[in-house]
Amino acid sequence: MRHARHSSGRFPLANIARLVPLLSLTFADALIANEPVQLESFERAGVIEAWRTYQHKLTFGKGQTLALVDDGCNLSMPEWSKADGDQPKVLIAYDSVDGDDDPSHEGRGYHGSTIGIPSSLNYDRKWGVAYNDQVAVIRALECCHCNISDDTTVAAGLQWIIDHHEQYRITTVNLAPVDDQEHDTPVATAIDDKLTTLRRLGIWVSAPTGNHNFTAGISWPACQPNCIAVGAVRQGKDEVYLDRHPKVDLVVPAAATSSSNAIACGAAIVLREAIIETGYDWQQDGSNVVEAMLVIMQKSGVTVHDGTTNRPFQRLDLAAALAHVFK
């Protein structure tokens, strides 16, 4: 386990019979929250327990913005245009490829319209992890399945975040692209100094490792320094799968590492709020708040041994991470 230091109710009634056996919740518990968008993943990752336990202590994202850096978004989707919360879900949008404020998909783009759902959804009685956050939608390349040659426009998107993070309260970045290659070491690219600056600013940046069952490397940009690499365990059991490597910082239950990373981003928003709310001394865990949050997730999580690579990985348990901070 790596050690790393804050800079700065209700389930739809028709679904209760289906949900309660899976979650082992009481009827009263089931009325606490709206329906989770990924039931099995959220239960295993401690998200539903976090909602239940801290419903009167945390807002689950209010006042924080998650930047979604991907291949664009259809902003007319009701998930983004008709949020159930008391503020618009999409706070701002930008296209670093064309240099304008229209993040619509172009060419092969498709992925960015849904990548924010596990972390941020608050629509039609369904919740993502940090359901009260807002999102900044940034189109930084044509397609999430990218090439390292896309580094210039991705770097421009990250620079926009650096320039505007205070204005739009951006605390967390979902860096969603994958180049689908098996990198066992970092590759020098234009995003590297941006990642360094974002880490110094205390902004969480994480990326999915990829979905090819690679065991000797992971995708770019997850392989880069100052980018938290998020892999996956199966939704129904603690079995590491998909792309993994010693660089992987955290594993999360999901059907794909893009969803794993989205859940991790939502968890980072909630954990940051808990640190601020409690005045927790994060410096005991790292030299930067991002590193500290990662360490808290790791040491409060579940160790999962991967028989294929003979390596241990730390699996997210958000409720346990929050319990550590609140105690």
C-alpha atoms as a PDB file:
ATOM      1  CA  MET A   1       0.000   0.000   0.000  1.00  0.00           C
ATOM      2  CA  ARG A   2       1.360   3.376  -0.957  1.00  0.00           C
ATOM      3  CA  HIS A   3       1.585   6.121   1.598  1.00  0.00           C
ATOM      4  CA  ALA A   4       0.862   9.413   0.548  1.00  0.00           C
ATOM      5  CA  ARG A   5      -0.873  15.010   2.335  1.00  0.00           C
ATOM      6  CA  HIS A   6      -6.173  19.807   1.682  1.00  0.00           C
ATOM      7  CA  SER A   7      -4.813  22.646   0.219  1.00  0.00           C
ATOM      8  CA  SER A   8      -6.213  24.660   0.135  1.00  0.00           C
ATOM      9  CA  GLY A   9     -35.201   9.649   1.386  1.00  0.00           C
ATOM     10  CA  ARG A  10     -36.167   7.621  -0.607  1.00  0.00           C
ATOM     11  CA  PHE A  11     -36.175   4.620  -2.842  1.00  0.00           C
ATOM     12  CA  PRO A  12     -39.052   4.394  -5.322  1.00  0.00           C
ATOM     13  CA  LEU A  13     -41.519   2.171  -3.479  1.00  0.00           C
ATOM     14  CA  ALA A  14     -41.921  -0.173  -6.447  1.00  0.00           C
ATOM     15  CA  ASN A  15     -38.243  -1.006  -6.254  1.00  0.00           C
ATOM     16  CA  ILE A  16     -37.896  -1.596  -2.533  1.00  0.00           C
ATOM     17  CA  ALA A  17     -38.689  -5.309  -2.732  1.00  0.00           C
ATOM     18  CA  ARG A  18     -35.960  -5.696  -5.325  1.00  0.00           C
ATOM     19  CA  LEU A  19     -33.361  -3.508  -3.659  1.00  0.00           C
ATOM     20  CA  VAL A  20     -33.611  -4.434  -0.018  1.00  0.00           C
ATOM     21  CA  PRO A  21     -32.489  -8.079  -0.327  1.00  0.00           C
ATOM     22  CA  LEU A  22     -29.453  -6.996  -2.321  1.00  0.00           C
ATOM     23  CA  LEU A  23     -28.435  -4.292   0.099  1.00  0.00           C
ATOM     24  CA  SER A  24     -29.424  -5.988   3.360  1.00  0.00           C
ATOM     25  CA  LEU A  25     -31.079  -2.726   4.367  1.00  0.00           C
ATOM     26  CA  THR A  26     -34.098  -2.196   6.566  1.00  0.00           C
ATOM     27  CA  PHE A  27     -37.241  -0.574   5.161  1.00  0.00           C
ATOM     28  CA  ALA A  28     -36.331   2.663   6.923  1.00  0.00           C
ATOM     29  CA  ASP A  29     -32.823   2.577   5.448  1.00  0.00           C
ATOM     30  CA  ALA A  30     -34.234   2.106   1.963  1.00  0.00           C
ATOM     31  CA  LEU A  31     -36.261   5.294   2.283  1.00  0.00           C
ATOM     32  CA  ILE A  32     -33.194   7.425   2.946  1.00  0.00           C
ATOM     33  CA  ALA A  33     -31.937   7.905  -0.565  1.00  0.00           C
ATOM     34  CA  ASN A  34     -32.918   7.867  -4.175  1.00  0.00           C
ATOM     35  CA  GLU A  35     -31.958   4.854  -6.236  1.00  0.00           C
ATOM     36  CA  PRO A  36     -28.217   4.409  -6.870  1.00  0.00           C
ATOM     37  CA  VAL A  37     -27.318   4.445 -10.549  1.00  0.00           C
ATOM     38  CA  GLN A  38     -25.074   1.400 -10.124  1.00  0.00           C
ATOM     39  CA  LEU A  39     -26.616  -0.641  -7.330  1.00  0.00           C
ATOM     40  CA  GLU A  40     -24.158  -3.506  -6.942  1.00  0.00           C
ATOM     41  CA  SER A  41     -21.060  -1.363  -7.435  1.00  0.00           C
ATOM     42  CA  PHE A  42     -22.214   1.302  -5.019  1.00  0.00           C
ATOM     43  CA  GLU A  43     -23.108  -1.194  -2.332  1.00  0.00           C
ATOM     44  CA  ARG A  44     -19.741  -2.935  -2.532  1.00  0.00           C
ATOM     45  CA  ALA A  45     -17.801   0.330  -2.619  1.00  0.00           C
ATOM     46  CA  GLY A  46     -19.470   1.590   0.564  1.00  0.00           C
ATOM     47  CA  VAL A  47     -21.339   4.392  -1.184  1.00  0.00           C
ATOM     48  CA  ILE A  48     -24.848   3.484  -0.022  1.00  0.00           C
ATOM     49  CA  GLU A  49     -23.631   2.997   3.536  1.00  0.00           C
ATOM     50  CA  ALA A  50     -21.965   6.425   3.318  1.00  0.00           C
ATOM     51  CA  TRP A  51     -25.247   8.020   2.218  1.00  0.00           C
ATOM     52  CA  ARG A  52     -27.114   6.334   5.069  1.00  0.00           C
ATOM     53  CA  THR A  53     -24.591   7.106   7.792  1.00  0.00           C
ATOM     54  CA  TYR A  54     -23.668  10.671   6.862  1.00  0.00           C
ATOM     55  CA  GLN A  55     -26.938  11.963   5.386  1.00  0.00           C
ATOM     56  CA  HIS A  56     -27.205  14.661   8.063  1.00  0.00           C
ATOM     57  CA  LYS A  57     -23.502  15.527   8.144  1.00  0.00           C
ATOM     58  CA  LEU A  58     -22.508  15.891   4.499  1.00  0.00           C
ATOM     59  CA  THR A  59     -24.075  17.409   1.380  1.00  0.00           C
ATOM     60  CA  PHE A  60     -22.449  14.909  -0.999  1.00  0.00           C
ATOM     61  CA  GLY A  61     -20.894  17.405  -3.334  1.00  0.00           C
ATOM     62  CA  LYS A  62     -22.525  20.792  -2.894  1.00  0.00           C
ATOM     63  CA  GLY A  63     -20.055  23.600  -3.566  1.00  0.00           C
ATOM     64  CA  GLN A  64     -17.647  21.424  -5.567  1.00  0.00           C
ATOM     65  CA  THR A  65     -17.314  20.975  -9.320  1.00  0.00           C
ATOM     66  CA  LEU A  66     -16.042  17.891 -11.116  1.00  0.00           C
ATOM     67  CA  ALA A  67     -14.319  18.492 -14.434  1.00  0.00           C
ATOM     68  CA  LEU A  68     -15.148  15.780 -16.975  1.00  0.00           C
ATOM     69  CA  VAL A  69     -12.317  15.693 -19.515  1.00  0.00           C
ATOM     70  CA  ASP A  70     -13.382  13.472 -22.392  1.00  0.00           C
ATOM     71  CA  ASP A  71     -14.658  13.491 -25.982  1.00  0.00           C
ATOM     72  CA  GLY A  72     -17.575  15.901 -25.513  1.00  0.00           C
ATOM     73  CA  CYS A  73     -21.130  15.690 -24.288  1.00  0.00           C
ATOM     74  CA  ASN A  74     -24.717  15.974 -25.470  1.00  0.00           C
ATOM     75  CA  LEU A  75     -25.809  18.664 -23.021  1.00  0.00           C
ATOM     76  CA  SER A  76     -29.466  18.329 -24.073  1.00  0.00           C
ATOM     77  CA  MET A  77     -29.663  14.938 -22.350  1.00  0.00           C
ATOM     78  CA  PRO A  78     -32.091  15.269 -19.432  1.00  0.00           C
ATOM     79  CA  GLU A  79     -29.456  13.888 -17.076  1.00  0.00           C
ATOM     80  CA  TRP A  80     -27.544  17.128 -17.599  1.00  0.00           C
ATOM     81  CA  SER A  81     -30.268  19.630 -18.524  1.00  0.00           C
ATOM     82  CA  LYS A  82     -32.908  18.682 -15.926  1.00  0.00           C
ATOM     83  CA  ALA A  83     -31.117  17.964 -12.668  1.00  0.00           C
ATOM     84  CA  ASP A  84     -33.315  17.332  -9.616  1.00  0.00           C
ATOM     85  CA  GLY A  85     -31.048  19.346  -7.355  1.00  0.00           C
ATOM     86  CA  ASP A  86     -31.344  23.006  -6.420  1.00  0.00           C
ATOM     87  CA  GLN A  87     -28.703  24.111  -8.936  1.00  0.00           C
ATOM     88  CA  PRO A  88     -27.966  23.323 -12.593  1.00  0.00           C
ATOM     89  CA  LYS A  89     -25.884  20.168 -12.916  1.00  0.00           C
ATOM     90  CA  VAL A  90     -23.676  21.556 -15.697  1.00  0.00           C
ATOM     91  CA  LEU A  91     -21.938  24.679 -14.462  1.00  0.00           C
ATOM     92  CA  ILE A  92     -19.688  25.393 -17.453  1.00  0.00           C
ATOM     93  CA  ALA A  93     -18.524  23.805 -20.698  1.00  0.00           C
ATOM     94  CA  TYR A  94     -15.428  24.214 -22.856  1.00  0.00           C
ATOM     95  CA  ASP A  95     -13.927  22.662 -25.982  1.00  0.00           C
ATOM     96  CA  SER A  96     -10.121  22.726 -25.915  1.00  0.00           C
ATOM     97  CA  VAL A  97      -9.952  21.215 -29.417  1.00  0.00           C
ATOM     98  CA  ASP A  98     -11.807  24.096 -31.087  1.00  0.00           C
ATOM     99  CA  GLY A  99     -11.258  26.727 -28.395  1.00  0.00           C
ATOM    100  CA  ASP A 100     -14.941  27.484 -27.848  1.00  0.00           C
ATOM    101  CA  ASP A 101     -17.702  26.740 -25.345  1.00  0.00           C
ATOM    102  CA  ASP A 102     -19.509  24.049 -27.370  1.00  0.00           C
ATOM    103  CA  PRO A 103     -18.513  20.565 -26.139  1.00  0.00           C
ATOM    104  CA  SER A 104     -20.793  18.680 -28.560  1.00  0.00           C
ATOM    105  CA  HIS A 105     -19.483  15.371 -29.856  1.00  0.00           C
ATOM    106  CA  GLU A 106     -17.705  15.512 -33.195  1.00  0.00           C
ATOM    107  CA  GLY A 107     -16.354  12.675 -35.312  1.00  0.00           C
ATOM    108  CA  ARG A 108     -16.122   9.483 -33.263  1.00  0.00           C
ATOM    109  CA  GLY A 109     -17.001  11.089 -29.941  1.00  0.00           C
ATOM    110  CA  TYR A 110     -19.638   9.397 -27.787  1.00  0.00           C
ATOM    111  CA  HIS A 111     -18.297   8.610 -24.335  1.00  0.00           C
ATOM    112  CA  GLY A 112     -18.412  11.910 -22.479  1.00  0.00           C
ATOM    113  CA  SER A 113     -22.209  12.072 -22.449  1.00  0.00           C
ATOM    114  CA  THR A 114     -22.386   9.309 -19.858  1.00  0.00           C
ATOM    115  CA  ILE A 115     -19.057   9.327 -18.016  1.00  0.00           C
ATOM    116  CA  GLY A 116     -20.325  11.721 -15.336  1.00  0.00           C
ATOM    117  CA  ILE A 117     -23.366   9.618 -14.426  1.00  0.00           C
ATOM    118  CA  PRO A 118     -21.765   7.338 -11.776  1.00  0.00           C
ATOM    119  CA  SER A 119     -20.140  10.268 -10.009  1.00  0.00           C
ATOM    120  CA  SER A 120     -22.667  13.056 -10.332  1.00  0.00           C
ATOM    121  CA  LEU A 121     -26.163  12.128 -11.500  1.00  0.00           C
ATOM    122  CA  ASN A 122     -29.113  13.701  -9.704  1.00  0.00           C
ATOM    123  CA  TYR A 123     -32.046  13.086 -12.023  1.00  0.00           C
ATOM    124  CA  ASP A 124     -35.265  11.050 -12.145  1.00  0.00           C
ATOM    125  CA  ARG A 125     -34.794   9.866  -8.544  1.00  0.00           C
ATOM    126  CA  LYS A 126     -31.400   8.373  -9.311  1.00  0.00           C
ATOM    127  CA  TRP A 127     -28.136   9.355  -7.659  1.00  0.00           C
ATOM    128  CA  GLY A 128     -24.474   9.231  -8.476  1.00  0.00           C
ATOM    129  CA  VAL A 129     -21.929   9.153  -5.649  1.00  0.00           C
ATOM    130  CA  ALA A 130     -21.610  12.917  -5.178  1.00  0.00           C
ATOM    131  CA  TYR A 131     -25.108  13.701  -6.403  1.00  0.00           C
ATOM    132  CA  ASN A 132     -25.102  17.351  -5.295  1.00  0.00           C
ATOM    133  CA  ASP A 133     -21.931  18.373  -7.135  1.00  0.00           C
ATOM    134  CA  GLN A 134     -21.801  20.313 -10.394  1.00  0.00           C
ATOM    135  CA  VAL A 135     -19.826  19.403 -13.482  1.00  0.00           C
ATOM    136  CA  ALA A 136     -17.595  21.241 -15.908  1.00  0.00           C
ATOM    137  CA  VAL A 137     -17.775  19.487 -19.273  1.00  0.00           C
ATOM    138  CA  ILE A 138     -14.554  19.702 -21.268  1.00  0.00           C
ATOM    139  CA  ARG A 139     -14.176  18.262 -24.737  1.00  0.00           C
ATOM    140  CA  ALA A 140     -10.451  17.671 -25.072  1.00  0.00           C
ATOM    141  CA  LEU A 141     -10.210  15.186 -27.963  1.00  0.00           C
ATOM    142  CA  GLU A 142     -12.329  13.522 -30.638  1.00  0.00           C
ATOM    143  CA  CYS A 143     -12.753  10.116 -29.033  1.00  0.00           C
ATOM    144  CA  CYS A 144     -12.038   8.679 -25.609  1.00  0.00           C
ATOM    145  CA  HIS A 145     -10.167   5.808 -27.281  1.00  0.00           C
ATOM    146  CA  CYS A 146      -7.276   8.031 -28.118  1.00  0.00           C
ATOM    147  CA  ASN A 147      -3.651   8.218 -29.121  1.00  0.00           C
ATOM    148  CA  ILE A 148      -0.804   9.848 -27.253  1.00  0.00           C
ATOM    149  CA  SER A 149      -0.711  12.362 -30.104  1.00  0.00           C
ATOM    150  CA  ASP A 150      -3.899  13.824 -28.572  1.00  0.00           C
ATOM    151  CA  ASP A 151      -1.778  15.090 -25.686  1.00  0.00           C
ATOM    152  CA  THR A 152      -1.738  18.710 -26.911  1.00  0.00           C
ATOM    153  CA  THR A 153      -5.501  19.246 -26.810  1.00  0.00           C
ATOM    154  CA  VAL A 154      -5.809  17.280 -23.567  1.00  0.00           C
ATOM    155  CA  ALA A 155      -3.084  19.488 -22.099  1.00  0.00           C
ATOM    156  CA  ALA A 156      -5.026  22.560 -23.253  1.00  0.00           C
ATOM    157  CA  GLY A 157      -8.101  21.246 -21.460  1.00  0.00           C
ATOM    158  CA  LEU A 158      -6.106  20.721 -18.277  1.00  0.00           C
ATOM    159  CA  GLN A 159      -4.648  24.214 -18.583  1.00  0.00           C
ATOM    160  CA  TRP A 160      -8.189  25.611 -18.806  1.00  0.00           C
ATOM    161  CA  ILE A 161      -8.936  23.869 -15.509  1.00  0.00           C
ATOM    162  CA  ILE A 162      -5.810  25.349 -13.940  1.00  0.00           C
ATOM    163  CA  ASP A 163      -6.836  28.816 -15.119  1.00  0.00           C
ATOM    164  CA  HIS A 164     -10.466  28.521 -13.977  1.00  0.00           C
ATOM    165  CA  HIS A 165     -10.504  26.146 -11.005  1.00  0.00           C
ATOM    166  CA  GLU A 166     -11.070  28.903  -8.439  1.00  0.00           C
ATOM    167  CA  GLN A 167     -13.796  30.589 -10.487  1.00  0.00           C
ATOM    168  CA  TYR A 168     -15.757  27.367 -10.952  1.00  0.00           C
ATOM    169  CA  ARG A 169     -14.755  25.599  -7.693  1.00  0.00           C
ATOM    170  CA  ILE A 170     -13.158  22.669  -9.535  1.00  0.00           C
ATOM    171  CA  THR A 171     -11.692  20.264  -6.990  1.00  0.00           C
ATOM    172  CA  THR A 172     -11.668  17.018  -8.982  1.00  0.00           C
ATOM    173  CA  VAL A 173     -10.865  15.931 -12.532  1.00  0.00           C
ATOM    174  CA  ASN A 174     -12.090  12.793 -14.268  1.00  0.00           C
ATOM    175  CA  LEU A 175      -9.465  12.378 -16.975  1.00  0.00           C
ATOM    176  CA  ALA A 176     -11.426   9.808 -18.940  1.00  0.00           C
ATOM    177  CA  PRO A 177      -9.431   8.957 -22.128  1.00  0.00           C
ATOM    178  CA  VAL A 178      -7.560   5.674 -22.632  1.00  0.00           C
ATOM    179  CA  ASP A 179      -5.084   4.888 -25.392  1.00  0.00           C
ATOM    180  CA  ASP A 180      -5.633   1.133 -24.919  1.00  0.00           C
ATOM    181  CA  GLN A 181      -1.910   0.406 -24.747  1.00  0.00           C
ATOM    182  CA  GLU A 182       0.031  -1.583 -22.142  1.00  0.00           C
ATOM    183  CA  HIS A 183       2.418   1.048 -20.729  1.00  0.00           C
ATOM    184  CA  ASP A 184       4.630  -0.260 -17.941  1.00  0.00           C
ATOM    185  CA  THR A 185       6.305   3.146 -17.499  1.00  0.00           C
ATOM    186  CA  PRO A 186       5.208   6.752 -18.043  1.00  0.00           C
ATOM    187  CA  VAL A 187       5.486   8.336 -21.480  1.00  0.00           C
ATOM    188  CA  ALA A 188       6.670  11.946 -21.740  1.00  0.00           C
ATOM    189  CA  THR A 189       3.766  14.036 -23.056  1.00  0.00           C
ATOM    190  CA  ALA A 190       2.413  17.586 -22.975  1.00  0.00           C
ATOM    191  CA  ILE A 191       0.071  16.845 -20.082  1.00  0.00           C
ATOM    192  CA  ASP A 192       2.799  16.086 -17.556  1.00  0.00           C
ATOM    193  CA  ASP A 193       3.512  19.607 -16.301  1.00  0.00           C
ATOM    194  CA  LYS A 194      -0.257  20.243 -16.143  1.00  0.00           C
ATOM    195  CA  LEU A 195      -0.686  17.190 -13.921  1.00  0.00           C
ATOM    196  CA  THR A 196       2.127  18.451 -11.692  1.00  0.00           C
ATOM    197  CA  THR A 197       0.455  21.839 -11.343  1.00  0.00           C
ATOM    198  CA  LEU A 198      -2.952  20.326 -10.627  1.00  0.00           C
ATOM    199  CA  ARG A 199      -1.445  18.130  -7.900  1.00  0.00           C
ATOM    200  CA  ARG A 200       0.266  21.172  -6.377  1.00  0.00           C
ATOM    201  CA  LEU A 201      -3.091  22.995  -6.397  1.00  0.00           C
ATOM    202  CA  GLY A 202      -4.668  20.114  -4.467  1.00  0.00           C
ATOM    203  CA  ILE A 203      -6.923  19.049  -7.329  1.00  0.00           C
ATOM    204  CA  TRP A 204      -7.625  15.313  -7.594  1.00  0.00           C
ATOM    205  CA  VAL A 205      -6.929  13.948 -11.092  1.00  0.00           C
ATOM    206  CA  SER A 206      -7.573  10.290 -11.839  1.00  0.00           C
ATOM    207  CA  ALA A 207      -7.899   8.173 -14.956  1.00  0.00           C
ATOM    208  CA  PRO A 208      -9.099   4.657 -15.848  1.00  0.00           C
ATOM    209  CA  THR A 209      -6.465   1.997 -16.420  1.00  0.00           C
ATOM    210  CA  GLY A 210      -8.178   0.320 -19.414  1.00  0.00           C
ATOM    211  CA  ASN A 211     -10.323  -2.727 -20.112  1.00  0.00           C
ATOM    212  CA  HIS A 212      -8.138  -5.280 -21.918  1.00  0.00           C
ATOM    213  CA  ASN A 213      -7.069  -7.496 -19.016  1.00  0.00           C
ATOM    214  CA  PHE A 214      -3.479  -6.315 -19.414  1.00  0.00           C
ATOM    215  CA  THR A 215      -1.243  -7.312 -16.527  1.00  0.00           C
ATOM    216  CA  ALA A 216       2.071  -5.698 -17.568  1.00  0.00           C
ATOM    217  CA  GLY A 217       0.890  -2.118 -18.067  1.00  0.00           C
ATOM    218  CA  ILE A 218      -2.003   0.329 -18.190  1.00  0.00           C
ATOM    219  CA  SER A 219      -3.349   2.990 -20.536  1.00  0.00           C
ATOM    220  CA  TRP A 220      -2.165   6.542 -20.968  1.00  0.00           C
ATOM    221  CA  PRO A 221      -2.867   8.916 -19.248  1.00  0.00           C
ATOM    222  CA  ALA A 222      -3.381   6.726 -16.148  1.00  0.00           C
ATOM    223  CA  CYS A 223       0.266   5.658 -16.432  1.00  0.00           C
ATOM    224  CA  GLN A 224       1.546   9.218 -15.926  1.00  0.00           C
ATOM    225  CA  PRO A 225       3.001  10.682 -12.706  1.00  0.00           C
ATOM    226  CA  ASN A 226       0.573  12.791 -10.676  1.00  0.00           C
ATOM    227  CA  CYS A 227      -2.379  10.971 -12.245  1.00  0.00           C
ATOM    228  CA  ILE A 228      -4.161   8.523  -9.946  1.00  0.00           C
ATOM    229  CA  ALA A 229      -4.683   5.225 -11.759  1.00  0.00           C
ATOM    230  CA  VAL A 230      -8.013   3.537 -11.026  1.00  0.00           C
ATOM    231  CA  GLY A 231      -8.606  -0.119 -11.882  1.00  0.00           C
ATOM    232  CA  ALA A 232     -11.459  -2.497 -11.187  1.00  0.00           C
ATOM    233  CA  VAL A 233     -12.713  -5.469  -9.242  1.00  0.00           C
ATOM    234  CA  ARG A 234     -15.745  -7.408 -10.374  1.00  0.00           C
ATOM    235  CA  GLN A 235     -19.053  -6.024  -9.166  1.00  0.00           C
ATOM    236  CA  GLY A 236     -20.078  -9.203  -7.364  1.00  0.00           C
ATOM    237  CA  LYS A 237     -16.817 -10.184  -5.647  1.00  0.00           C
ATOM    238  CA  ASP A 238     -13.376  -8.930  -4.771  1.00  0.00           C
ATOM    239  CA  GLU A 239     -11.590 -10.238  -7.841  1.00  0.00           C
ATOM    240  CA  VAL A 240      -9.203  -7.856  -9.594  1.00  0.00           C
ATOM    241  CA  TYR A 241      -9.643  -7.824 -13.348  1.00  0.00           C
ATOM    242  CA  LEU A 242      -9.211  -5.633 -16.434  1.00  0.00           C
ATOM    243  CA  ASP A 243      -5.950  -3.690 -16.767  1.00  0.00           C
ATOM    244  CA  ARG A 244      -3.701  -3.715 -13.716  1.00  0.00           C
ATOM    245  CA  HIS A 245      -0.084  -3.067 -12.864  1.00  0.00           C
ATOM    246  CA  PRO A 246       1.945  -1.886  -9.823  1.00  0.00           C
ATOM    247  CA  LYS A 247       1.101   1.721 -10.834  1.00  0.00           C
ATOM    248  CA  VAL A 248      -2.593   1.118 -10.029  1.00  0.00           C
ATOM    249  CA  ASP A 249      -3.481   3.205  -6.974  1.00  0.00           C
ATOM    250  CA  LEU A 250      -7.031   2.039  -6.268  1.00  0.00           C
ATOM    251  CA  VAL A 251      -9.534  -0.527  -7.517  1.00  0.00           C
ATOM    252  CA  VAL A 252     -13.305   0.011  -7.520  1.00  0.00           C
ATOM    253  CA  PRO A 253     -16.176  -2.420  -8.266  1.00  0.00           C
ATOM    254  CA  ALA A 254     -17.448  -1.789 -11.800  1.00  0.00           C
ATOM    255  CA  ALA A 255     -18.074  -3.320 -15.215  1.00  0.00           C
ATOM    256  CA  ALA A 256     -15.391  -1.114 -16.802  1.00  0.00           C
ATOM    257  CA  THR A 257     -12.532   0.997 -15.466  1.00  0.00           C
ATOM    258  CA  SER A 258     -14.173   4.164 -16.789  1.00  0.00           C
ATOM    259  CA  SER A 259     -16.980   3.553 -14.294  1.00  0.00           C
ATOM    260  CA  SER A 260     -14.453   2.634 -11.594  1.00  0.00           C
ATOM    261  CA  ASN A 261     -12.759   5.965 -12.101  1.00  0.00           C
ATOM    262  CA  ALA A 262     -16.037   7.885 -12.149  1.00  0.00           C
ATOM    263  CA  ILE A 263     -17.008   6.341  -8.802  1.00  0.00           C
ATOM    264  CA  ALA A 264     -13.572   7.172  -7.400  1.00  0.00           C
ATOM    265  CA  CYS A 265     -13.961  10.807  -8.493  1.00  0.00           C
ATOM    266  CA  GLY A 266     -17.295  11.049  -6.704  1.00  0.00           C
ATOM    267  CA  ALA A 267     -15.731   9.473  -3.623  1.00  0.00           C
ATOM    268  CA  ALA A 268     -12.899  12.021  -3.707  1.00  0.00           C
ATOM    269  CA  ILE A 269     -15.422  14.868  -3.677  1.00  0.00           C
ATOM    270  CA  VAL A 270     -17.261  13.388  -0.683  1.00  0.00           C
ATOM    271  CA  LEU A 271     -14.063  12.643   1.222  1.00  0.00           C
ATOM    272  CA  ARG A 272     -12.759  16.177   0.649  1.00  0.00           C
ATOM    273  CA  GLU A 273     -15.984  17.576   2.079  1.00  0.00           C
ATOM    274  CA  ALA A 274     -15.599  15.346   5.133  1.00  0.00           C
ATOM    275  CA  ILE A 275     -12.023  16.531   5.674  1.00  0.00           C
ATOM    276  CA  ILE A 276     -13.128  20.158   5.524  1.00  0.00           C
ATOM    277  CA  GLU A 277     -16.217  19.573   7.688  1.00  0.00           C
ATOM    278  CA  THR A 278     -14.309  17.795  10.452  1.00  0.00           C
ATOM    279  CA  GLY A 279     -11.060  19.745  10.306  1.00  0.00           C
ATOM    280  CA  TYR A 280      -9.253  16.435   9.919  1.00  0.00           C
ATOM    281  CA  ASP A 281      -5.467  16.794   9.981  1.00  0.00           C
ATOM    282  CA  TRP A 282      -4.709  15.420   6.540  1.00  0.00           C
ATOM    283  CA  GLN A 283      -1.018  16.292   6.821  1.00  0.00           C
ATOM    284  CA  GLN A 284      -0.514  13.141   8.863  1.00  0.00           C
ATOM    285  CA  ASP A 285      -1.253  11.202   5.673  1.00  0.00           C
ATOM    286  CA  GLY A 286       0.624  13.127   2.987  1.00  0.00           C
ATOM    287  CA  SER A 287       2.307  16.307   1.841  1.00  0.00           C
ATOM    288  CA  ASN A 288      -0.658  17.246  -0.377  1.00  0.00           C
ATOM    289  CA  VAL A 289      -4.389  16.850   0.171  1.00  0.00           C
ATOM    290  CA  VAL A 290      -4.745  14.669  -2.934  1.00  0.00           C
ATOM    291  CA  GLU A 291      -2.061  12.295  -1.744  1.00  0.00           C
ATOM    292  CA  ALA A 292      -3.663  12.283   1.705  1.00  0.00           C
ATOM    293  CA  MET A 293      -7.101  11.434   0.329  1.00  0.00           C
ATOM    294  CA  LEU A 294      -5.637   8.591  -1.682  1.00  0.00           C
ATOM    295  CA  VAL A 295      -3.837   7.222   1.375  1.00  0.00           C
ATOM    296  CA  ILE A 296      -7.041   7.409   3.425  1.00  0.00           C
ATOM    297  CA  MET A 297      -8.912   5.485   0.719  1.00  0.00           C
ATOM    298  CA  GLN A 298      -6.142   2.916   0.554  1.00  0.00           C
ATOM    299  CA  LYS A 299      -5.637   2.270   4.243  1.00  0.00           C
ATOM    300  CA  SER A 300      -9.375   2.242   5.038  1.00  0.00           C
ATOM    301  CA  GLY A 301     -10.156   0.036   2.061  1.00  0.00           C
ATOM    302  CA  VAL A 302     -10.076  -3.699   1.499  1.00  0.00           C
ATOM    303  CA  THR A 303      -6.917  -5.486   0.381  1.00  0.00           C
ATOM    304  CA  VAL A 304      -7.625  -7.691  -2.624  1.00  0.00           C
ATOM    305  CA  HIS A 305      -4.972 -10.155  -3.758  1.00  0.00           C
ATOM    306  CA  ASP A 306      -4.721 -10.751  -7.488  1.00  0.00           C
ATOM    307  CA  GLY A 307      -3.715 -14.346  -8.140  1.00  0.00           C
ATOM    308  CA  THR A 308      -2.730 -13.652 -11.744  1.00  0.00           C
ATOM    309  CA  THR A 309      -0.110 -11.025 -10.945  1.00  0.00           C
ATOM    310  CA  ASN A 310       0.509 -12.060  -7.319  1.00  0.00           C
ATOM    311  CA  ARG A 311       0.003  -8.436  -6.258  1.00  0.00           C
ATOM    312  CA  PRO A 312      -2.220  -6.821  -3.617  1.00  0.00           C
ATOM    313  CA  PHE A 313      -4.542  -3.963  -4.564  1.00  0.00           C
ATOM    314  CA  GLN A 314      -6.585  -1.672  -2.333  1.00  0.00           C
ATOM    315  CA  ARG A 315     -10.331  -1.592  -2.987  1.00  0.00           C
ATOM    316  CA  LEU A 316     -12.389   1.524  -2.225  1.00  0.00           C
ATOM    317  CA  ASP A 317     -14.780   1.526   0.750  1.00  0.00           C
ATOM    318  CA  LEU A 318     -16.117   5.076   0.957  1.00  0.00           C
ATOM    319  CA  ALA A 319     -18.012   4.513   4.207  1.00  0.00           C
ATOM    320  CA  ALA A 320     -14.832   3.256   5.860  1.00  0.00           C
ATOM    321  CA  ALA A 321     -12.830   6.234   4.542  1.00  0.00           C
ATOM    322  CA  LEU A 322     -15.416   8.647   5.965  1.00  0.00           C
ATOM    323  CA  ALA A 323     -15.461   6.782   9.296  1.00  0.00           C
ATOM    324  CA  HIS A 324     -11.690   7.207   9.502  1.00  0.00           C
ATOM    325  CA  VAL A 325     -11.967  10.967   8.977  1.00  0.00           C
ATOM    326  CA  PHE A 326     -14.956  11.485  11.283  1.00  0.00           C
ATOM    327  CA  LYS A 327     -13.439   9.574  14.187  1.00  0.00           C
END
